[in-house]
C-alpha atoms as a PDB file:
ATOM      1  CA  MET A   1      28.189  32.713  11.443  1.00  0.00           C
ATOM      2  CA  PHE A   2      27.960  32.813  15.247  1.00  0.00           C
ATOM      3  CA  GLY A   3      31.027  30.594  15.406  1.00  0.00           C
ATOM      4  CA  LEU A   4      29.291  27.762  13.531  1.00  0.00           C
ATOM      5  CA  ARG A   5      30.960  26.028  10.598  1.00  0.00           C
ATOM      6  CA  ARG A   6      27.721  26.067   8.624  1.00  0.00           C
ATOM      7  CA  ARG A   7      24.063  26.944   9.017  1.00  0.00           C
ATOM      8  CA  PRO A   8      22.373  24.267  11.159  1.00  0.00           C
ATOM      9  CA  GLN A   9      19.744  22.111   9.456  1.00  0.00           C
ATOM     10  CA  PRO A  10      18.110  20.416  12.461  1.00  0.00           C
ATOM     11  CA  SER A  11      16.302  17.134  12.017  1.00  0.00           C
ATOM     12  CA  LYS A  12      12.625  16.847  12.911  1.00  0.00           C
ATOM     13  CA  SER A  13      13.517  14.309  15.599  1.00  0.00           C
ATOM     14  CA  ALA A  14      15.759  16.758  17.490  1.00  0.00           C
ATOM     15  CA  VAL A  15      14.700  17.104  21.137  1.00  0.00           C
ATOM     16  CA  ILE A  16      15.213  20.126  23.391  1.00  0.00           C
ATOM     17  CA  PRO A  17      15.846  18.930  26.974  1.00  0.00           C
ATOM     18  CA  SER A  18      13.637  20.670  29.526  1.00  0.00           C
ATOM     19  CA  TYR A  19      16.738  21.324  31.621  1.00  0.00           C
ATOM     20  CA  MET A  20      18.273  23.463  28.870  1.00  0.00           C
ATOM     21  CA  LEU A  21      15.047  25.450  28.439  1.00  0.00           C
ATOM     22  CA  ASP A  22      14.856  26.057  32.186  1.00  0.00           C
ATOM     23  CA  LEU A  23      18.525  27.032  32.265  1.00  0.00           C
ATOM     24  CA  TYR A  24      17.941  29.553  29.470  1.00  0.00           C
ATOM     25  CA  ARG A  25      14.955  31.083  31.284  1.00  0.00           C
ATOM     26  CA  LEU A  26      16.871  31.349  34.535  1.00  0.00           C
ATOM     27  CA  GLN A  27      19.961  32.762  32.858  1.00  0.00           C
ATOM     28  CA  SER A  28      18.169  35.328  30.702  1.00  0.00           C
ATOM     29  CA  GLY A  29      15.805  36.525  33.424  1.00  0.00           C
ATOM     30  CA  GLU A  30      12.698  35.563  31.443  1.00  0.00           C
ATOM     31  CA  GLU A  31       9.430  34.570  33.127  1.00  0.00           C
ATOM     32  CA  GLU A  32      10.606  35.666  36.562  1.00  0.00           C
ATOM     33  CA  GLU A  33       7.063  35.392  37.855  1.00  0.00           C
ATOM     34  CA  ASN A  34       7.051  31.656  36.983  1.00  0.00           C
ATOM     35  CA  LEU A  35      10.483  30.717  38.307  1.00  0.00           C
ATOM     36  CA  GLN A  36       8.940  28.866  41.240  1.00  0.00           C
ATOM     37  CA  GLU A  37       7.714  26.307  38.700  1.00  0.00           C
ATOM     38  CA  ILE A  38      11.278  25.616  37.519  1.00  0.00           C
ATOM     39  CA  SER A  39      12.662  22.891  39.764  1.00  0.00           C
ATOM     40  CA  LEU A  40      16.383  23.594  39.464  1.00  0.00           C
ATOM     41  CA  GLN A  41      18.984  25.857  40.971  1.00  0.00           C
ATOM     42  CA  TYR A  42      20.928  28.112  38.637  1.00  0.00           C
ATOM     43  CA  PRO A  43      24.462  26.634  38.508  1.00  0.00           C
ATOM     44  CA  GLU A  44      26.309  29.828  39.450  1.00  0.00           C
ATOM     45  CA  ARG A  45      29.594  28.027  40.101  1.00  0.00           C
ATOM     46  CA  SER A  46      29.619  26.188  36.762  1.00  0.00           C
ATOM     47  CA  THR A  47      28.615  29.201  34.662  1.00  0.00           C
ATOM     48  CA  SER A  48      31.004  31.640  36.359  1.00  0.00           C
ATOM     49  CA  ARG A  49      33.802  30.522  33.989  1.00  0.00           C
ATOM     50  CA  ALA A  50      31.666  29.532  30.991  1.00  0.00           C
ATOM     51  CA  ASN A  51      30.002  31.299  28.099  1.00  0.00           C
ATOM     52  CA  THR A  52      28.723  28.087  26.506  1.00  0.00           C
ATOM     53  CA  VAL A  53      26.586  25.245  27.864  1.00  0.00           C
ATOM     54  CA  ARG A  54      26.159  22.101  25.745  1.00  0.00           C
ATOM     55  CA  SER A  55      23.935  19.066  26.298  1.00  0.00           C
ATOM     56  CA  PHE A  56      24.463  15.523  25.061  1.00  0.00           C
ATOM     57  CA  HIS A  57      22.302  12.405  25.126  1.00  0.00           C
ATOM     58  CA  HIS A  58      24.080   9.084  25.460  1.00  0.00           C
ATOM     59  CA  GLU A  59      24.423   6.641  22.588  1.00  0.00           C
ATOM     60  CA  GLU A  60      21.459   4.251  22.606  1.00  0.00           C
ATOM     61  CA  HIS A  61      23.614   1.120  22.827  1.00  0.00           C
ATOM     62  CA  LEU A  62      24.194   0.156  26.473  1.00  0.00           C
ATOM     63  CA  GLU A  63      26.699  -2.411  27.675  1.00  0.00           C
ATOM     64  CA  SER A  64      26.568  -4.497  30.837  1.00  0.00           C
ATOM     65  CA  VAL A  65      29.934  -4.550  32.606  1.00  0.00           C
ATOM     66  CA  PRO A  66      30.774  -7.049  35.385  1.00  0.00           C
ATOM     67  CA  GLY A  67      31.288  -5.209  38.665  1.00  0.00           C
ATOM     68  CA  PRO A  68      32.785  -6.269  41.982  1.00  0.00           C
ATOM     69  CA  SER A  69      29.305  -6.978  43.393  1.00  0.00           C
ATOM     70  CA  GLU A  70      26.560  -9.255  42.103  1.00  0.00           C
ATOM     71  CA  THR A  71      24.873  -6.308  40.424  1.00  0.00           C
ATOM     72  CA  PRO A  72      26.136  -5.688  36.862  1.00  0.00           C
ATOM     73  CA  TRP A  73      27.266  -2.185  35.988  1.00  0.00           C
ATOM     74  CA  ILE A  74      25.879  -0.370  32.963  1.00  0.00           C
ATOM     75  CA  ARG A  75      28.291   1.440  30.646  1.00  0.00           C
ATOM     76  CA  PHE A  76      27.101   4.213  28.376  1.00  0.00           C
ATOM     77  CA  VAL A  77      28.947   6.585  26.051  1.00  0.00           C
ATOM     78  CA  PHE A  78      28.509  10.250  25.140  1.00  0.00           C
ATOM     79  CA  ASN A  79      29.883  11.436  21.815  1.00  0.00           C
ATOM     80  CA  LEU A  80      31.626  14.769  22.473  1.00  0.00           C
ATOM     81  CA  SER A  81      33.216  15.170  19.043  1.00  0.00           C
ATOM     82  CA  SER A  82      31.094  18.274  18.340  1.00  0.00           C
ATOM     83  CA  VAL A  83      32.843  20.314  21.061  1.00  0.00           C
ATOM     84  CA  PRO A  84      35.017  22.868  19.175  1.00  0.00           C
ATOM     85  CA  GLU A  85      38.789  22.697  19.545  1.00  0.00           C
ATOM     86  CA  ASN A  86      38.962  26.244  20.936  1.00  0.00           C
ATOM     87  CA  GLU A  87      36.396  25.606  23.666  1.00  0.00           C
ATOM     88  CA  VAL A  88      37.862  24.830  27.084  1.00  0.00           C
ATOM     89  CA  ILE A  89      35.567  22.757  29.304  1.00  0.00           C
ATOM     90  CA  SER A  90      35.696  23.907  32.930  1.00  0.00           C
ATOM     91  CA  SER A  91      33.055  21.583  34.396  1.00  0.00           C
ATOM     92  CA  ALA A  92      30.502  18.933  33.452  1.00  0.00           C
ATOM     93  CA  GLU A  93      27.574  17.240  35.116  1.00  0.00           C
ATOM     94  CA  LEU A  94      25.693  14.016  34.465  1.00  0.00           C
ATOM     95  CA  ARG A  95      21.966  14.273  35.106  1.00  0.00           C
ATOM     96  CA  LEU A  96      20.043  11.066  35.852  1.00  0.00           C
ATOM     97  CA  TYR A  97      16.312  10.728  36.379  1.00  0.00           C
ATOM     98  CA  ARG A  98      15.271   8.433  39.203  1.00  0.00           C
ATOM     99  CA  GLU A  99      11.767   7.251  40.009  1.00  0.00           C
ATOM    100  CA  GLN A 100      10.091   6.198  43.198  1.00  0.00           C
ATOM    101  CA  VAL A 101       9.398   2.452  43.371  1.00  0.00           C
ATOM    102  CA  GLU A 102       6.168   1.639  45.127  1.00  0.00           C
ATOM    103  CA  GLU A 103       6.618  -0.946  47.895  1.00  0.00           C
ATOM    104  CA  PRO A 104       4.177  -1.930  50.652  1.00  0.00           C
ATOM    105  CA  SER A 105       6.963  -2.198  53.219  1.00  0.00           C
ATOM    106  CA  ALA A 106       7.372   0.781  55.534  1.00  0.00           C
ATOM    107  CA  ALA A 107      11.011  -0.183  56.002  1.00  0.00           C
ATOM    108  CA  TRP A 108      11.536   0.082  52.242  1.00  0.00           C
ATOM    109  CA  GLU A 109      10.070   3.594  52.164  1.00  0.00           C
ATOM    110  CA  ARG A 110      12.558   4.649  54.837  1.00  0.00           C
ATOM    111  CA  GLY A 111      15.450   3.056  52.957  1.00  0.00           C
ATOM    112  CA  PHE A 112      18.191   4.454  50.774  1.00  0.00           C
ATOM    113  CA  HIS A 113      20.143   3.489  47.718  1.00  0.00           C
ATOM    114  CA  ARG A 114      23.553   4.574  46.529  1.00  0.00           C
ATOM    115  CA  ILE A 115      24.346   5.728  42.994  1.00  0.00           C
ATOM    116  CA  ASN A 116      27.998   5.553  41.946  1.00  0.00           C
ATOM    117  CA  ILE A 117      29.339   7.065  38.724  1.00  0.00           C
ATOM    118  CA  TYR A 118      32.662   5.799  37.346  1.00  0.00           C
ATOM    119  CA  GLU A 119      34.839   6.712  34.403  1.00  0.00           C
ATOM    120  CA  VAL A 120      36.010   3.756  32.324  1.00  0.00           C
ATOM    121  CA  MET A 121      39.777   4.144  32.146  1.00  0.00           C
ATOM    122  CA  LYS A 122      40.325   0.893  30.254  1.00  0.00           C
ATOM    123  CA  PRO A 123      37.445  -1.100  28.710  1.00  0.00           C
ATOM    124  CA  LEU A 124      36.673  -4.743  29.363  1.00  0.00           C
ATOM    125  CA  SER A 125      38.706  -7.180  27.280  1.00  0.00           C
ATOM    126  CA  GLU A 126      39.018 -10.942  26.939  1.00  0.00           C
ATOM    127  CA  ARG A 127      42.127 -10.868  29.108  1.00  0.00           C
ATOM    128  CA  ALA A 128      41.255  -8.314  31.776  1.00  0.00           C
ATOM    129  CA  GLN A 129      38.439  -6.669  33.697  1.00  0.00           C
ATOM    130  CA  ALA A 130      37.492  -3.081  32.972  1.00  0.00           C
ATOM    131  CA  ILE A 131      39.495  -0.487  34.907  1.00  0.00           C
ATOM    132  CA  THR A 132      37.391   2.333  36.363  1.00  0.00           C
ATOM    133  CA  ARG A 133      37.723   5.264  38.742  1.00  0.00           C
ATOM    134  CA  LEU A 134      35.000   6.716  40.933  1.00  0.00           C
ATOM    135  CA  LEU A 135      33.875  10.207  39.884  1.00  0.00           C
ATOM    136  CA  ASP A 136      30.924  10.917  42.155  1.00  0.00           C
ATOM    137  CA  THR A 137      28.548   9.125  44.491  1.00  0.00           C
ATOM    138  CA  ARG A 138      25.231   9.947  46.094  1.00  0.00           C
ATOM    139  CA  LEU A 139      23.152   8.369  48.849  1.00  0.00           C
ATOM    140  CA  VAL A 140      19.501   9.042  48.021  1.00  0.00           C
ATOM    141  CA  HIS A 141      16.090   8.171  49.429  1.00  0.00           C
ATOM    142  CA  HIS A 142      14.023   5.423  47.787  1.00  0.00           C
ATOM    143  CA  ASN A 143      10.731   7.222  48.089  1.00  0.00           C
ATOM    144  CA  VAL A 144      11.466  10.262  45.865  1.00  0.00           C
ATOM    145  CA  THR A 145      11.143  10.959  42.140  1.00  0.00           C
ATOM    146  CA  ARG A 146      13.589  13.594  40.923  1.00  0.00           C
ATOM    147  CA  TRP A 147      16.662  14.399  38.838  1.00  0.00           C
ATOM    148  CA  GLU A 148      20.091  13.825  40.364  1.00  0.00           C
ATOM    149  CA  SER A 149      23.221  15.644  39.226  1.00  0.00           C
ATOM    150  CA  PHE A 150      26.724  14.133  39.393  1.00  0.00           C
ATOM    151  CA  ASP A 151      30.051  15.874  38.870  1.00  0.00           C
ATOM    152  CA  VAL A 152      31.891  14.206  35.984  1.00  0.00           C
ATOM    153  CA  SER A 153      34.239  17.118  35.251  1.00  0.00           C
ATOM    154  CA  PRO A 154      37.514  15.147  35.613  1.00  0.00           C
ATOM    155  CA  ALA A 155      36.453  12.643  32.938  1.00  0.00           C
ATOM    156  CA  VAL A 156      35.131  15.193  30.438  1.00  0.00           C
ATOM    157  CA  ILE A 157      38.191  17.424  30.838  1.00  0.00           C
ATOM    158  CA  ARG A 158      40.420  14.388  30.200  1.00  0.00           C
ATOM    159  CA  TRP A 159      38.489  13.560  27.018  1.00  0.00           C
ATOM    160  CA  THR A 160      38.349  17.097  25.614  1.00  0.00           C
ATOM    161  CA  LYS A 161      41.330  19.077  26.895  1.00  0.00           C
ATOM    162  CA  ASP A 162      43.814  16.226  27.444  1.00  0.00           C
ATOM    163  CA  LYS A 163      42.627  14.255  24.363  1.00  0.00           C
ATOM    164  CA  GLN A 164      42.446  10.988  26.320  1.00  0.00           C
ATOM    165  CA  PRO A 165      40.287   8.109  24.967  1.00  0.00           C
ATOM    166  CA  ASN A 166      36.588   8.341  25.800  1.00  0.00           C
ATOM    167  CA  HIS A 167      35.557   4.867  26.988  1.00  0.00           C
ATOM    168  CA  GLY A 168      32.358   6.144  28.568  1.00  0.00           C
ATOM    169  CA  LEU A 169      30.859   6.173  32.040  1.00  0.00           C
ATOM    170  CA  VAL A 170      29.563   3.400  34.267  1.00  0.00           C
ATOM    171  CA  ILE A 171      26.612   3.639  36.633  1.00  0.00           C
ATOM    172  CA  GLU A 172      26.178   1.398  39.664  1.00  0.00           C
ATOM    173  CA  VAL A 173      23.017   1.417  41.788  1.00  0.00           C
ATOM    174  CA  THR A 174      23.027  -0.479  45.079  1.00  0.00           C
ATOM    175  CA  HIS A 175      20.086  -0.684  47.458  1.00  0.00           C
ATOM    176  CA  LEU A 176      21.260  -0.752  51.027  1.00  0.00           C
ATOM    177  CA  HIS A 177      20.083  -3.668  53.188  1.00  0.00           C
ATOM    178  CA  HIS A 178      17.769  -5.049  50.470  1.00  0.00           C
ATOM    179  CA  ALA A 179      17.863  -7.872  48.000  1.00  0.00           C
ATOM    180  CA  GLN A 180      18.713  -7.112  44.391  1.00  0.00           C
ATOM    181  CA  THR A 181      15.103  -7.517  43.195  1.00  0.00           C
ATOM    182  CA  HIS A 182      14.865  -3.796  42.606  1.00  0.00           C
ATOM    183  CA  GLN A 183      18.505  -3.084  41.823  1.00  0.00           C
ATOM    184  CA  GLY A 184      18.710  -0.270  39.284  1.00  0.00           C
ATOM    185  CA  LYS A 185      14.960   0.111  38.780  1.00  0.00           C
ATOM    186  CA  HIS A 186      15.004   3.608  40.243  1.00  0.00           C
ATOM    187  CA  VAL A 187      17.377   5.139  37.718  1.00  0.00           C
ATOM    188  CA  ARG A 188      16.271   5.627  34.114  1.00  0.00           C
ATOM    189  CA  ILE A 189      19.046   4.797  31.648  1.00  0.00           C
ATOM    190  CA  SER A 190      16.991   3.022  28.970  1.00  0.00           C
ATOM    191  CA  ARG A 191      13.503   3.359  27.513  1.00  0.00           C
ATOM    192  CA  SER A 192      10.817   1.037  28.848  1.00  0.00           C
ATOM    193  CA  LEU A 193       8.678  -0.724  26.244  1.00  0.00           C
ATOM    194  CA  PRO A 194       5.344   1.020  27.020  1.00  0.00           C
ATOM    195  CA  GLN A 195       7.024   4.416  27.149  1.00  0.00           C
ATOM    196  CA  GLY A 196       6.650   6.753  24.180  1.00  0.00           C
ATOM    197  CA  ARG A 197       9.681   8.225  22.452  1.00  0.00           C
ATOM    198  CA  GLY A 198       8.646  11.730  23.443  1.00  0.00           C
ATOM    199  CA  ASP A 199       8.544  10.898  27.157  1.00  0.00           C
ATOM    200  CA  TRP A 200      11.809   8.973  27.005  1.00  0.00           C
ATOM    201  CA  ALA A 201      13.555  11.830  25.200  1.00  0.00           C
ATOM    202  CA  GLN A 202      12.957  14.070  28.236  1.00  0.00           C
ATOM    203  CA  LEU A 203      14.032  11.424  30.771  1.00  0.00           C
ATOM    204  CA  ARG A 204      17.219  10.159  29.139  1.00  0.00           C
ATOM    205  CA  PRO A 205      20.548  10.619  30.927  1.00  0.00           C
ATOM    206  CA  LEU A 206      21.917  14.027  30.021  1.00  0.00           C
ATOM    207  CA  LEU A 207      25.536  15.141  30.009  1.00  0.00           C
ATOM    208  CA  VAL A 208      25.899  18.922  30.346  1.00  0.00           C
ATOM    209  CA  THR A 209      29.232  20.662  29.713  1.00  0.00           C
ATOM    210  CA  PHE A 210      30.214  24.196  30.715  1.00  0.00           C
ATOM    211  CA  GLY A 211      32.961  25.765  28.607  1.00  0.00           C
ATOM    212  CA  HIS A 212      34.455  28.993  27.294  1.00  0.00           C
ATOM    213  CA  ASP A 213      35.706  29.701  23.781  1.00  0.00           C
ATOM    214  CA  GLY A 214      37.758  32.746  24.770  1.00  0.00           C
ATOM    215  CA  ARG A 215      35.269  35.211  23.300  1.00  0.00           C
ATOM    216  CA  GLY A 216      33.511  37.680  25.542  1.00  0.00           C
ATOM    217  CA  HIS A 217      32.227  37.314  29.068  1.00  0.00           C
ATOM    218  CA  ALA A 218      30.929  34.314  30.967  1.00  0.00           C
ATOM    219  CA  LEU A 219      27.244  33.560  31.403  1.00  0.00           C
ATOM    220  CA  THR A 220      25.778  35.544  34.273  1.00  0.00           C
ATOM    221  CA  ARG A 221      22.245  35.388  35.533  1.00  0.00           C
ATOM    222  CA  ARG A 222      20.633  38.616  34.421  1.00  0.00           C
ATOM    223  CA  ALA A 223      17.598  40.425  35.679  1.00  0.00           C
ATOM    224  CA  ARG A 224      14.769  40.801  33.237  1.00  0.00           C
ATOM    225  CA  ARG A 225      15.684  43.514  30.725  1.00  0.00           C
ATOM    226  CA  SER A 226      13.624  46.669  31.165  1.00  0.00           C
ATOM    227  CA  PRO A 227      13.133  48.916  28.138  1.00  0.00           C
ATOM    228  CA  LYS A 228      15.361  51.984  27.951  1.00  0.00           C
ATOM    229  CA  HIS A 229      13.535  55.237  27.464  1.00  0.00           C
ATOM    230  CA  GLN A 230      15.501  57.840  25.588  1.00  0.00           C
ATOM    231  CA  ARG A 231      15.216  61.450  26.552  1.00  0.00           C
ATOM    232  CA  SER A 232      13.268  63.585  24.128  1.00  0.00           C
ATOM    233  CA  ARG A 233      15.454  65.573  21.763  1.00  0.00           C
ATOM    234  CA  LYS A 234      14.466  68.804  20.066  1.00  0.00           C
ATOM    235  CA  ASN A 235      16.057  67.669  16.812  1.00  0.00           C
ATOM    236  CA  LYS A 236      15.042  64.078  16.150  1.00  0.00           C
ATOM    237  CA  LYS A 237      17.186  63.997  13.012  1.00  0.00           C
ATOM    238  CA  ASN A 238      20.373  63.940  15.074  1.00  0.00           C
ATOM    239  CA  CYS A 239      22.270  60.738  15.876  1.00  0.00           C
ATOM    240  CA  ARG A 240      20.308  58.506  18.207  1.00  0.00           C
ATOM    241  CA  ARG A 241      19.173  54.936  18.846  1.00  0.00           C
ATOM    242  CA  HIS A 242      16.170  53.558  16.954  1.00  0.00           C
ATOM    243  CA  ALA A 243      14.088  50.448  17.571  1.00  0.00           C
ATOM    244  CA  LEU A 244      14.921  47.348  15.537  1.00  0.00           C
ATOM    245  CA  TYR A 245      13.190  44.127  16.524  1.00  0.00           C
ATOM    246  CA  VAL A 246      14.764  41.080  14.910  1.00  0.00           C
ATOM    247  CA  ASP A 247      12.233  38.264  14.476  1.00  0.00           C
ATOM    248  CA  PHE A 248      14.147  35.056  13.738  1.00  0.00           C
ATOM    249  CA  SER A 249      11.193  33.609  11.829  1.00  0.00           C
ATOM    250  CA  ASP A 250      11.332  36.572   9.425  1.00  0.00           C
ATOM    251  CA  VAL A 251      14.949  35.798   8.533  1.00  0.00           C
ATOM    252  CA  GLY A 252      14.394  32.024   8.393  1.00  0.00           C
ATOM    253  CA  TRP A 253      16.383  31.135  11.509  1.00  0.00           C
ATOM    254  CA  ASN A 254      13.535  29.950  13.707  1.00  0.00           C
ATOM    255  CA  ASP A 255      14.130  26.318  12.705  1.00  0.00           C
ATOM    256  CA  TRP A 256      17.422  26.178  14.624  1.00  0.00           C
ATOM    257  CA  ILE A 257      17.180  29.013  17.173  1.00  0.00           C
ATOM    258  CA  VAL A 258      14.992  27.738  20.014  1.00  0.00           C
ATOM    259  CA  ALA A 259      14.982  30.880  22.161  1.00  0.00           C
ATOM    260  CA  PRO A 260      14.475  33.746  22.104  1.00  0.00           C
ATOM    261  CA  PRO A 261      12.036  33.939  19.169  1.00  0.00           C
ATOM    262  CA  GLY A 262      13.479  37.383  18.505  1.00  0.00           C
ATOM    263  CA  TYR A 263      15.015  40.315  20.316  1.00  0.00           C
ATOM    264  CA  GLN A 264      15.300  44.101  20.285  1.00  0.00           C
ATOM    265  CA  ALA A 265      18.651  44.792  18.608  1.00  0.00           C
ATOM    266  CA  PHE A 266      18.243  48.563  17.941  1.00  0.00           C
ATOM    267  CA  TYR A 267      20.343  50.519  15.443  1.00  0.00           C
ATOM    268  CA  CYS A 268      22.010  53.941  15.218  1.00  0.00           C
ATOM    269  CA  HIS A 269      21.008  56.590  12.703  1.00  0.00           C
ATOM    270  CA  GLY A 270      20.990  60.356  12.420  1.00  0.00           C
ATOM    271  CA  ASP A 271      23.033  63.444  11.657  1.00  0.00           C
ATOM    272  CA  CYS A 272      26.242  64.541  13.317  1.00  0.00           C
ATOM    273  CA  PRO A 273      25.924  68.339  12.785  1.00  0.00           C
ATOM    274  CA  PHE A 274      28.516  70.994  13.482  1.00  0.00           C
ATOM    275  CA  PRO A 275      29.125  71.851  16.257  1.00  0.00           C
ATOM    276  CA  LEU A 276      28.741  68.458  17.936  1.00  0.00           C
ATOM    277  CA  ALA A 277      26.705  68.691  21.118  1.00  0.00           C
ATOM    278  CA  ASP A 278      27.712  66.839  24.295  1.00  0.00           C
ATOM    279  CA  HIS A 279      24.747  64.464  24.131  1.00  0.00           C
ATOM    280  CA  LEU A 280      25.999  63.100  20.790  1.00  0.00           C
ATOM    281  CA  ASN A 281      28.683  61.161  22.684  1.00  0.00           C
ATOM    282  CA  SER A 282      31.513  62.174  20.361  1.00  0.00           C
ATOM    283  CA  THR A 283      35.240  61.555  20.410  1.00  0.00           C
ATOM    284  CA  ASN A 284      37.790  64.339  20.051  1.00  0.00           C
ATOM    285  CA  HIS A 285      38.606  62.997  16.595  1.00  0.00           C
ATOM    286  CA  ALA A 286      34.938  63.221  15.558  1.00  0.00           C
ATOM    287  CA  ILE A 287      34.768  66.809  16.813  1.00  0.00           C
ATOM    288  CA  VAL A 288      37.855  67.763  14.799  1.00  0.00           C
ATOM    289  CA  GLN A 289      36.611  65.907  11.697  1.00  0.00           C
ATOM    290  CA  THR A 290      33.254  67.689  11.899  1.00  0.00           C
ATOM    291  CA  LEU A 291      35.031  71.016  12.317  1.00  0.00           C
ATOM    292  CA  VAL A 292      37.120  70.387   9.180  1.00  0.00           C
ATOM    293  CA  ASN A 293      33.988  69.297   7.284  1.00  0.00           C
ATOM    294  CA  SER A 294      32.397  72.666   8.064  1.00  0.00           C
ATOM    295  CA  VAL A 295      35.097  74.396   5.986  1.00  0.00           C
ATOM    296  CA  ASN A 296      35.947  71.590   3.547  1.00  0.00           C
ATOM    297  CA  SER A 297      32.998  69.525   2.335  1.00  0.00           C
ATOM    298  CA  SER A 298      35.306  66.970   0.691  1.00  0.00           C
ATOM    299  CA  ILE A 299      36.003  65.633   4.197  1.00  0.00           C
ATOM    300  CA  PRO A 300      33.039  63.506   5.326  1.00  0.00           C
ATOM    301  CA  LYS A 301      31.114  64.208   8.495  1.00  0.00           C
ATOM    302  CA  ALA A 302      31.464  61.970  11.535  1.00  0.00           C
ATOM    303  CA  CYS A 303      29.203  58.907  11.415  1.00  0.00           C
ATOM    304  CA  CYS A 304      26.437  57.854  13.776  1.00  0.00           C
ATOM    305  CA  VAL A 305      27.533  54.464  15.125  1.00  0.00           C
ATOM    306  CA  PRO A 306      27.006  52.195  18.159  1.00  0.00           C
ATOM    307  CA  THR A 307      29.204  53.221  21.092  1.00  0.00           C
ATOM    308  CA  GLU A 308      27.968  50.634  23.596  1.00  0.00           C
ATOM    309  CA  LEU A 309      26.799  47.080  22.914  1.00  0.00           C
ATOM    310  CA  SER A 310      25.555  44.296  25.177  1.00  0.00           C
ATOM    311  CA  ALA A 311      25.183  40.524  24.953  1.00  0.00           C
ATOM    312  CA  ILE A 312      22.205  38.195  24.751  1.00  0.00           C
ATOM    313  CA  SER A 313      21.898  34.482  25.440  1.00  0.00           C
ATOM    314  CA  MET A 314      20.668  32.163  22.697  1.00  0.00           C
ATOM    315  CA  LEU A 315      19.472  28.574  22.937  1.00  0.00           C
ATOM    316  CA  TYR A 316      19.883  26.767  19.643  1.00  0.00           C
ATOM    317  CA  LEU A 317      20.523  23.512  17.809  1.00  0.00           C
ATOM    318  CA  ASP A 318      23.997  23.359  16.309  1.00  0.00           C
ATOM    319  CA  GLU A 319      25.039  21.649  13.071  1.00  0.00           C
ATOM    320  CA  TYR A 320      25.207  18.305  14.932  1.00  0.00           C
ATOM    321  CA  ASP A 321      21.686  18.560  16.414  1.00  0.00           C
ATOM    322  CA  LYS A 322      23.174  19.244  19.863  1.00  0.00           C
ATOM    323  CA  VAL A 323      21.415  21.794  22.070  1.00  0.00           C
ATOM    324  CA  VAL A 324      23.622  24.745  23.005  1.00  0.00           C
ATOM    325  CA  LEU A 325      23.123  27.726  25.326  1.00  0.00           C
ATOM    326  CA  LYS A 326      25.608  30.458  24.443  1.00  0.00           C
ATOM    327  CA  ASN A 327      26.316  34.044  25.424  1.00  0.00           C
ATOM    328  CA  TYR A 328      26.804  36.158  22.277  1.00  0.00           C
ATOM    329  CA  GLN A 329      28.567  39.491  22.658  1.00  0.00           C
ATOM    330  CA  GLU A 330      27.720  42.779  20.909  1.00  0.00           C
ATOM    331  CA  MET A 331      24.164  41.857  19.939  1.00  0.00           C
ATOM    332  CA  VAL A 332      22.207  44.816  21.361  1.00  0.00           C
ATOM    333  CA  VAL A 333      22.916  48.528  20.815  1.00  0.00           C
ATOM    334  CA  GLU A 334      22.852  50.289  24.173  1.00  0.00           C
ATOM    335  CA  GLY A 335      24.196  53.682  23.077  1.00  0.00           C
ATOM    336  CA  CYS A 336      24.956  55.705  19.943  1.00  0.00           C
ATOM    337  CA  GLY A 337      27.379  58.497  19.182  1.00  0.00           C
ATOM    338  CA  CYS A 338      29.192  60.417  16.470  1.00  0.00           C
ATOM    339  CA  ARG A 339      32.564  58.869  15.671  1.00  0.00           C
END
């Protein structure tokens, strides 16, 4: 079912990252009038080769790793075991939330700090230091609260495609020309004690992967779907498209499908009478079959079936409680014909 091994049974504690909801709205063309409220750019480059976007929160256990400077590095791990074998990851980004730290000094407000993201190639042991490689770095202003995105594609591709060990990522935050009093306070990688679980769930580091399972087309940002109006036919019994709205709550899928709540799928129904008219979108075989049926009723008439189908995007929780945005092909009937 939809490429899933089993029907998802999401836990009540499952959290939908705001980033994934915004990405779905941007990708599907929904709420175009409110897009100015969505503070992210649609990742055209990442989605151009992907039909699936997955999000992962890091494991709660964090480990302090000695770094070359006085500031300890923080290592955290993302479990990517739920990525299917047939899905090829083309890119991945690590999203970190950083907060403004209030300081009375004007010099501090004009200052910067650097965020470095490393892949752990070999973990720390009793005999040797951890071996890391730099993946991405960013010089950012102290006086801003926002999400930062880092390219971690080389590491994630190594873990998934090349089957190399996943020893996690390391984050290093250094404040330029300042003492280490505030080192790391800007970047949220663990929950503060007064912070509620709901708030922390939306501010946790988020790993987002962009992949393709070889089925259908890549995700493309679509304009808002406008309803198709069919031309009036004299004989409404003939083959044509009919409305069919699928409400996921009616079929009991609303517990794991986040968006859309439902969609207009349509269906094909009607007669394919002899002789077949041009507007019935018939094949030569259907025309011949209908002709034979007119003289030999033991041969069935041509059938009214979908001749054109389109895709929709769905945001859902998979069987591992991971949030997935996926492009599903052949979900909407766009045209009908006698075949």
